Amino acid sequence: MAGFSHLVNRGDLKVVKLESEQVNQSYSPAAKPWTERNRWLLNGVIIAAALVLGAIILRSMKGKGS
């Protein structure tokens, strides 16, 4: 950053005075996506998929061992 300071003409810079903060009455936070509001559902689906895959693997292993 210091390498570019010579390119700035300080005489052209304007001084701006900040005003006091005001609350924006029309602001409303963005709604969370459906997946974030229902995380339990995603966790349940992942656990169910893991159980199904585990059962398939166990069945496959039992069938090969005979």
PDB file of N, CA and C in Angstrom:
ATOM      1  N   MET A   1       0.818  -1.191   0.000  1.00  0.00           N
ATOM      2  CA  MET A   1       0.000   0.000   0.000  1.00  0.00           C
ATOM      3  C   MET A   1       0.862   1.256   0.000  1.00  0.00           C
ATOM      4  N   ALA A   2       1.963   1.247   0.749  1.00  0.00           N
ATOM      5  CA  ALA A   2       2.834   2.415   0.833  1.00  0.00           C
ATOM      6  C   ALA A   2       3.480   2.708  -0.518  1.00  0.00           C
ATOM      7  N   GLY A   3       3.624   1.697  -1.349  1.00  0.00           N
ATOM      8  CA  GLY A   3       4.234   1.884  -2.648  1.00  0.00           C
ATOM      9  C   GLY A   3       3.406   2.739  -3.596  1.00  0.00           C
ATOM     10  N   PHE A   4       2.118   2.870  -3.354  1.00  0.00           N
ATOM     11  CA  PHE A   4       1.235   3.639  -4.233  1.00  0.00           C
ATOM     12  C   PHE A   4       0.886   5.015  -3.662  1.00  0.00           C
ATOM     13  N   SER A   5       1.362   5.329  -2.478  1.00  0.00           N
ATOM     14  CA  SER A   5       0.970   6.593  -1.844  1.00  0.00           C
ATOM     15  C   SER A   5       1.471   7.801  -2.620  1.00  0.00           C
ATOM     16  N   HIS A   6       2.551   7.666  -3.336  1.00  0.00           N
ATOM     17  CA  HIS A   6       3.059   8.800  -4.111  1.00  0.00           C
ATOM     18  C   HIS A   6       2.153   9.145  -5.299  1.00  0.00           C
ATOM     19  N   LEU A   7       1.251   8.238  -5.674  1.00  0.00           N
ATOM     20  CA  LEU A   7       0.349   8.473  -6.794  1.00  0.00           C
ATOM     21  C   LEU A   7      -0.885   9.290  -6.402  1.00  0.00           C
ATOM     22  N   VAL A   8      -1.130   9.455  -5.100  1.00  0.00           N
ATOM     23  CA  VAL A   8      -2.318  10.167  -4.623  1.00  0.00           C
ATOM     24  C   VAL A   8      -1.954  11.620  -4.358  1.00  0.00           C
ATOM     25  N   ASN A   9      -2.718  12.517  -4.956  1.00  0.00           N
ATOM     26  CA  ASN A   9      -2.533  13.939  -4.729  1.00  0.00           C
ATOM     27  C   ASN A   9      -3.404  14.335  -3.548  1.00  0.00           C
ATOM     28  N   ARG A  10      -2.787  14.600  -2.428  1.00  0.00           N
ATOM     29  CA  ARG A  10      -3.554  14.898  -1.209  1.00  0.00           C
ATOM     30  C   ARG A  10      -4.355  16.189  -1.314  1.00  0.00           C
ATOM     31  N   GLY A  11      -3.982  17.067  -2.196  1.00  0.00           N
ATOM     32  CA  GLY A  11      -4.717  18.321  -2.362  1.00  0.00           C
ATOM     33  C   GLY A  11      -6.096  18.101  -2.984  1.00  0.00           C
ATOM     34  N   ASP A  12      -6.266  17.012  -3.738  1.00  0.00           N
ATOM     35  CA  ASP A  12      -7.552  16.731  -4.390  1.00  0.00           C
ATOM     36  C   ASP A  12      -8.535  15.977  -3.491  1.00  0.00           C
ATOM     37  N   LEU A  13      -8.062  15.489  -2.341  1.00  0.00           N
ATOM     38  CA  LEU A  13      -8.929  14.716  -1.454  1.00  0.00           C
ATOM     39  C   LEU A  13      -9.880  15.641  -0.706  1.00  0.00           C
ATOM     40  N   LYS A  14     -11.132  15.220  -0.598  1.00  0.00           N
ATOM     41  CA  LYS A  14     -12.133  16.013   0.108  1.00  0.00           C
ATOM     42  C   LYS A  14     -12.277  15.491   1.538  1.00  0.00           C
ATOM     43  N   VAL A  15     -12.541  16.399   2.446  1.00  0.00           N
ATOM     44  CA  VAL A  15     -12.796  16.034   3.837  1.00  0.00           C
ATOM     45  C   VAL A  15     -14.307  15.970   4.012  1.00  0.00           C
ATOM     46  N   VAL A  16     -14.778  14.846   4.517  1.00  0.00           N
ATOM     47  CA  VAL A  16     -16.217  14.643   4.673  1.00  0.00           C
ATOM     48  C   VAL A  16     -16.518  14.457   6.157  1.00  0.00           C
ATOM     49  N   LYS A  17     -17.535  15.151   6.637  1.00  0.00           N
ATOM     50  CA  LYS A  17     -17.946  15.011   8.032  1.00  0.00           C
ATOM     51  C   LYS A  17     -19.104  14.025   8.083  1.00  0.00           C
ATOM     52  N   LEU A  18     -18.957  12.993   8.910  1.00  0.00           N
ATOM     53  CA  LEU A  18     -20.007  11.990   9.029  1.00  0.00           C
ATOM     54  C   LEU A  18     -21.132  12.499   9.916  1.00  0.00           C
ATOM     55  N   GLU A  19     -22.341  12.129   9.578  1.00  0.00           N
ATOM     56  CA  GLU A  19     -23.493  12.505  10.386  1.00  0.00           C
ATOM     57  C   GLU A  19     -23.791  11.404  11.391  1.00  0.00           C
ATOM     58  N   SER A  20     -24.734  11.661  12.261  1.00  0.00           N
ATOM     59  CA  SER A  20     -25.090  10.661  13.272  1.00  0.00           C
ATOM     60  C   SER A  20     -25.832   9.490  12.616  1.00  0.00           C
ATOM     61  N   GLU A  21     -25.755   8.353  13.273  1.00  0.00           N
ATOM     62  CA  GLU A  21     -26.425   7.159  12.750  1.00  0.00           C
ATOM     63  C   GLU A  21     -27.930   7.268  12.936  1.00  0.00           C
ATOM     64  N   GLN A  22     -28.657   6.660  12.002  1.00  0.00           N
ATOM     65  CA  GLN A  22     -30.112   6.621  12.105  1.00  0.00           C
ATOM     66  C   GLN A  22     -30.571   5.197  11.826  1.00  0.00           C
ATOM     67  N   VAL A  23     -31.598   4.775  12.518  1.00  0.00           N
ATOM     68  CA  VAL A  23     -32.146   3.434  12.332  1.00  0.00           C
ATOM     69  C   VAL A  23     -32.996   3.422  11.066  1.00  0.00           C
ATOM     70  N   ASN A  24     -32.770   2.433  10.228  1.00  0.00           N
ATOM     71  CA  ASN A  24     -33.541   2.280   9.002  1.00  0.00           C
ATOM     72  C   ASN A  24     -34.806   1.473   9.333  1.00  0.00           C
ATOM     73  N   GLN A  25     -35.932   2.136   9.379  1.00  0.00           N
ATOM     74  CA  GLN A  25     -37.186   1.482   9.767  1.00  0.00           C
ATOM     75  C   GLN A  25     -37.681   0.500   8.709  1.00  0.00           C
ATOM     76  N   SER A  26     -37.299   0.695   7.463  1.00  0.00           N
ATOM     77  CA  SER A  26     -37.796  -0.174   6.389  1.00  0.00           C
ATOM     78  C   SER A  26     -36.936  -1.423   6.201  1.00  0.00           C
ATOM     79  N   TYR A  27     -35.848  -1.572   6.983  1.00  0.00           N
ATOM     80  CA  TYR A  27     -34.976  -2.734   6.838  1.00  0.00           C
ATOM     81  C   TYR A  27     -35.617  -3.961   7.457  1.00  0.00           C
ATOM     82  N   SER A  28     -35.555  -5.063   6.736  1.00  0.00           N
ATOM     83  CA  SER A  28     -35.954  -6.352   7.305  1.00  0.00           C
ATOM     84  C   SER A  28     -34.904  -7.375   6.877  1.00  0.00           C
ATOM     85  N   PRO A  29     -34.401  -8.175   7.820  1.00  0.00           N
ATOM     86  CA  PRO A  29     -33.355  -9.134   7.466  1.00  0.00           C
ATOM     87  C   PRO A  29     -33.864 -10.170   6.479  1.00  0.00           C
ATOM     88  N   ALA A  30     -32.951 -10.672   5.669  1.00  0.00           N
ATOM     89  CA  ALA A  30     -33.315 -11.676   4.668  1.00  0.00           C
ATOM     90  C   ALA A  30     -33.770 -12.955   5.359  1.00  0.00           C
ATOM     91  N   ALA A  31     -34.775 -13.588   4.790  1.00  0.00           N
ATOM     92  CA  ALA A  31     -35.280 -14.838   5.363  1.00  0.00           C
ATOM     93  C   ALA A  31     -34.260 -15.939   5.127  1.00  0.00           C
ATOM     94  N   LYS A  32     -34.108 -16.806   6.125  1.00  0.00           N
ATOM     95  CA  LYS A  32     -33.185 -17.921   5.988  1.00  0.00           C
ATOM     96  C   LYS A  32     -33.737 -18.916   4.974  1.00  0.00           C
ATOM     97  N   PRO A  33     -32.848 -19.563   4.226  1.00  0.00           N
ATOM     98  CA  PRO A  33     -33.307 -20.590   3.289  1.00  0.00           C
ATOM     99  C   PRO A  33     -33.982 -21.743   4.020  1.00  0.00           C
ATOM    100  N   TRP A  34     -34.822 -22.463   3.299  1.00  0.00           N
ATOM    101  CA  TRP A  34     -35.588 -23.575   3.873  1.00  0.00           C
ATOM    102  C   TRP A  34     -34.675 -24.615   4.505  1.00  0.00           C
ATOM    103  N   THR A  35     -33.532 -24.872   3.872  1.00  0.00           N
ATOM    104  CA  THR A  35     -32.615 -25.890   4.390  1.00  0.00           C
ATOM    105  C   THR A  35     -31.984 -25.472   5.706  1.00  0.00           C
ATOM    106  N   GLU A  36     -31.811 -24.190   5.941  1.00  0.00           N
ATOM    107  CA  GLU A  36     -31.250 -23.738   7.214  1.00  0.00           C
ATOM    108  C   GLU A  36     -32.309 -23.717   8.310  1.00  0.00           C
ATOM    109  N   ARG A  37     -33.545 -23.489   7.955  1.00  0.00           N
ATOM    110  CA  ARG A  37     -34.610 -23.516   8.962  1.00  0.00           C
ATOM    111  C   ARG A  37     -34.947 -24.933   9.375  1.00  0.00           C
ATOM    112  N   ASN A  38     -34.684 -25.928   8.521  1.00  0.00           N
ATOM    113  CA  ASN A  38     -35.028 -27.331   8.798  1.00  0.00           C
ATOM    114  C   ASN A  38     -33.783 -28.215   8.734  1.00  0.00           C
ATOM    115  N   ARG A  39     -32.780 -27.877   9.527  1.00  0.00           N
ATOM    116  CA  ARG A  39     -31.540 -28.656   9.513  1.00  0.00           C
ATOM    117  C   ARG A  39     -31.771 -30.083   9.983  1.00  0.00           C
ATOM    118  N   TRP A  40     -32.713 -30.299  10.855  1.00  0.00           N
ATOM    119  CA  TRP A  40     -32.973 -31.637  11.375  1.00  0.00           C
ATOM    120  C   TRP A  40     -33.344 -32.589  10.237  1.00  0.00           C
ATOM    121  N   LEU A  41     -34.035 -32.077   9.229  1.00  0.00           N
ATOM    122  CA  LEU A  41     -34.441 -32.910   8.105  1.00  0.00           C
ATOM    123  C   LEU A  41     -33.230 -33.367   7.296  1.00  0.00           C
ATOM    124  N   LEU A  42     -32.325 -32.458   7.030  1.00  0.00           N
ATOM    125  CA  LEU A  42     -31.104 -32.817   6.303  1.00  0.00           C
ATOM    126  C   LEU A  42     -30.281 -33.820   7.093  1.00  0.00           C
ATOM    127  N   ASN A  43     -30.146 -33.604   8.391  1.00  0.00           N
ATOM    128  CA  ASN A  43     -29.404 -34.551   9.225  1.00  0.00           C
ATOM    129  C   ASN A  43     -30.082 -35.919   9.218  1.00  0.00           C
ATOM    130  N   GLY A  44     -31.383 -35.948   9.280  1.00  0.00           N
ATOM    131  CA  GLY A  44     -32.117 -37.214   9.262  1.00  0.00           C
ATOM    132  C   GLY A  44     -31.927 -37.965   7.957  1.00  0.00           C
ATOM    133  N   VAL A  45     -31.951 -37.245   6.848  1.00  0.00           N
ATOM    134  CA  VAL A  45     -31.765 -37.876   5.537  1.00  0.00           C
ATOM    135  C   VAL A  45     -30.357 -38.445   5.417  1.00  0.00           C
ATOM    136  N   ILE A  46     -29.367 -37.713   5.906  1.00  0.00           N
ATOM    137  CA  ILE A  46     -27.987 -38.201   5.838  1.00  0.00           C
ATOM    138  C   ILE A  46     -27.816 -39.453   6.696  1.00  0.00           C
ATOM    139  N   ILE A  47     -28.375 -39.449   7.892  1.00  0.00           N
ATOM    140  CA  ILE A  47     -28.276 -40.621   8.771  1.00  0.00           C
ATOM    141  C   ILE A  47     -28.997 -41.807   8.160  1.00  0.00           C
ATOM    142  N   ALA A  48     -30.196 -41.577   7.598  1.00  0.00           N
ATOM    143  CA  ALA A  48     -30.944 -42.673   6.977  1.00  0.00           C
ATOM    144  C   ALA A  48     -30.174 -43.243   5.787  1.00  0.00           C
ATOM    145  N   ALA A  49     -29.552 -42.395   4.984  1.00  0.00           N
ATOM    146  CA  ALA A  49     -28.771 -42.870   3.842  1.00  0.00           C
ATOM    147  C   ALA A  49     -27.577 -43.689   4.313  1.00  0.00           C
ATOM    148  N   ALA A  50     -26.934 -43.256   5.390  1.00  0.00           N
ATOM    149  CA  ALA A  50     -25.792 -44.002   5.921  1.00  0.00           C
ATOM    150  C   ALA A  50     -26.238 -45.369   6.426  1.00  0.00           C
ATOM    151  N   LEU A  51     -27.394 -45.432   7.086  1.00  0.00           N
ATOM    152  CA  LEU A  51     -27.897 -46.709   7.579  1.00  0.00           C
ATOM    153  C   LEU A  51     -28.259 -47.652   6.435  1.00  0.00           C
ATOM    154  N   VAL A  52     -28.878 -47.125   5.401  1.00  0.00           N
ATOM    155  CA  VAL A  52     -29.241 -47.947   4.246  1.00  0.00           C
ATOM    156  C   VAL A  52     -27.984 -48.477   3.558  1.00  0.00           C
ATOM    157  N   LEU A  53     -27.006 -47.621   3.343  1.00  0.00           N
ATOM    158  CA  LEU A  53     -25.768 -48.067   2.714  1.00  0.00           C
ATOM    159  C   LEU A  53     -25.043 -49.089   3.592  1.00  0.00           C
ATOM    160  N   GLY A  54     -25.059 -48.880   4.893  1.00  0.00           N
ATOM    161  CA  GLY A  54     -24.451 -49.844   5.811  1.00  0.00           C
ATOM    162  C   GLY A  54     -25.133 -51.192   5.728  1.00  0.00           C
ATOM    163  N   ALA A  55     -26.470 -51.197   5.673  1.00  0.00           N
ATOM    164  CA  ALA A  55     -27.216 -52.455   5.563  1.00  0.00           C
ATOM    165  C   ALA A  55     -26.899 -53.157   4.244  1.00  0.00           C
ATOM    166  N   ILE A  56     -26.804 -52.407   3.166  1.00  0.00           N
ATOM    167  CA  ILE A  56     -26.469 -53.000   1.862  1.00  0.00           C
ATOM    168  C   ILE A  56     -25.072 -53.612   1.913  1.00  0.00           C
ATOM    169  N   ILE A  57     -24.132 -52.923   2.515  1.00  0.00           N
ATOM    170  CA  ILE A  57     -22.769 -53.440   2.613  1.00  0.00           C
ATOM    171  C   ILE A  57     -22.726 -54.699   3.463  1.00  0.00           C
ATOM    172  N   LEU A  58     -23.428 -54.691   4.586  1.00  0.00           N
ATOM    173  CA  LEU A  58     -23.445 -55.885   5.452  1.00  0.00           C
ATOM    174  C   LEU A  58     -24.074 -57.076   4.735  1.00  0.00           C
ATOM    175  N   ARG A  59     -25.164 -56.868   4.015  1.00  0.00           N
ATOM    176  CA  ARG A  59     -25.788 -57.949   3.266  1.00  0.00           C
ATOM    177  C   ARG A  59     -24.850 -58.487   2.194  1.00  0.00           C
ATOM    178  N   SER A  60     -24.166 -57.588   1.544  1.00  0.00           N
ATOM    179  CA  SER A  60     -23.231 -57.989   0.502  1.00  0.00           C
ATOM    180  C   SER A  60     -22.076 -58.806   1.099  1.00  0.00           C
ATOM    181  N   MET A  61     -21.604 -58.402   2.251  1.00  0.00           N
ATOM    182  CA  MET A  61     -20.507 -59.125   2.905  1.00  0.00           C
ATOM    183  C   MET A  61     -20.955 -60.513   3.380  1.00  0.00           C
ATOM    184  N   LYS A  62     -22.179 -60.627   3.884  1.00  0.00           N
ATOM    185  CA  LYS A  62     -22.700 -61.913   4.348  1.00  0.00           C
ATOM    186  C   LYS A  62     -22.887 -62.861   3.160  1.00  0.00           C
ATOM    187  N   GLY A  63     -23.326 -62.343   2.061  1.00  0.00           N
ATOM    188  CA  GLY A  63     -23.552 -63.171   0.869  1.00  0.00           C
ATOM    189  C   GLY A  63     -22.245 -63.671   0.274  1.00  0.00           C
ATOM    190  N   LYS A  64     -21.195 -62.918   0.316  1.00  0.00           N
ATOM    191  CA  LYS A  64     -19.903 -63.301  -0.246  1.00  0.00           C
ATOM    192  C   LYS A  64     -19.174 -64.290   0.640  1.00  0.00           C
ATOM    193  N   GLY A  65     -19.427 -64.253   1.954  1.00  0.00           N
ATOM    194  CA  GLY A  65     -18.714 -65.121   2.883  1.00  0.00           C
ATOM    195  C   GLY A  65     -19.168 -66.553   2.871  1.00  0.00           C
ATOM    196  N   SER A  66     -20.318 -66.848   2.352  1.00  0.00           N
ATOM    197  CA  SER A  66     -20.859 -68.219   2.378  1.00  0.00           C
ATOM    198  C   SER A  66     -20.222 -69.095   1.352  1.00  0.00           C
TER     199      SER A  66
END
